[in-house]
Amino acid sequence: MSTTNNDTSDIKKAAEQANGQEIEKNLEDNKKVDAPESLSEEEQTAFIEDDLRTDK
């Protein structure tokens, strides 16, 4: 487990090693994104079961 001091130095290292051109390329608006995958019937579950909801 790391301490706060290690986290700070890790963040500093990452910032120093960041490639501005790569970041800009990744943030382009016209970047192609794959369509989301369809979920199986088992995967299509509600976060809260309808019969337990109290807001209806």
Protein backbone atom coordinates (compact mmCIF):
# COMPACT_ATOMS: atom_id res chain seq x y z
CA MET A 1 0.00 0.00 0.00
CA SER A 2 1.38 3.39 -0.92
CA THR A 3 1.46 6.50 1.19
CA THR A 4 0.38 10.01 0.25
CA ASN A 5 4.00 11.01 -0.40
CA ASN A 6 4.42 8.17 -2.90
CA ASP A 7 1.16 9.08 -4.61
CA THR A 8 2.36 12.65 -5.04
CA SER A 9 5.66 11.57 -6.58
CA ASP A 10 3.87 9.09 -8.86
CA ILE A 11 1.56 11.85 -10.08
CA LYS A 12 4.53 14.15 -10.61
CA LYS A 13 6.35 11.46 -12.64
CA ALA A 14 3.28 10.86 -14.79
CA ALA A 15 2.86 14.57 -15.44
CA GLU A 16 6.52 14.91 -16.41
CA GLN A 17 6.32 11.96 -18.78
CA ALA A 18 3.06 13.04 -20.42
CA ASN A 19 3.23 13.44 -24.18
CA GLY A 20 1.19 16.51 -25.18
CA GLN A 21 0.78 15.35 -28.77
CA GLU A 22 -0.60 11.97 -27.70
CA ILE A 23 -3.02 13.64 -25.29
CA GLU A 24 -4.22 16.02 -28.00
CA LYS A 25 -4.67 13.10 -30.41
CA ASN A 26 -6.75 11.21 -27.83
CA LEU A 27 -8.98 14.23 -27.22
CA GLU A 28 -9.91 14.85 -30.85
CA ASP A 29 -13.66 15.29 -31.35
CA ASN A 30 -13.78 13.17 -34.50
CA LYS A 31 -12.15 10.19 -32.84
CA LYS A 32 -13.96 6.98 -33.83
CA VAL A 33 -15.56 5.10 -30.98
CA ASP A 34 -16.84 1.57 -31.15
CA ALA A 35 -20.55 1.12 -30.57
CA PRO A 36 -21.43 -0.30 -27.16
CA GLU A 37 -21.92 -4.03 -26.98
CA SER A 38 -25.40 -5.41 -26.59
CA LEU A 39 -26.09 -6.93 -23.20
CA SER A 40 -27.45 -10.41 -22.76
CA GLU A 41 -30.83 -10.81 -21.05
CA GLU A 42 -29.02 -11.84 -17.86
CA GLU A 43 -26.82 -8.72 -17.99
CA GLN A 44 -29.77 -6.36 -18.50
CA THR A 45 -30.65 -5.97 -14.85
CA ALA A 46 -31.90 -2.89 -13.08
CA PHE A 47 -29.74 -1.34 -10.39
CA ILE A 48 -32.70 -1.49 -8.02
CA GLU A 49 -35.35 -4.16 -8.25
CA ASP A 50 -38.71 -2.63 -9.19
CA ASP A 51 -40.60 -4.28 -6.35
CA LEU A 52 -38.19 -2.75 -3.80
CA ARG A 53 -38.49 0.82 -5.08
CA THR A 54 -40.22 3.30 -2.79
CA ASP A 55 -40.27 6.27 -5.20
CA LYS A 56 -43.24 5.09 -7.27
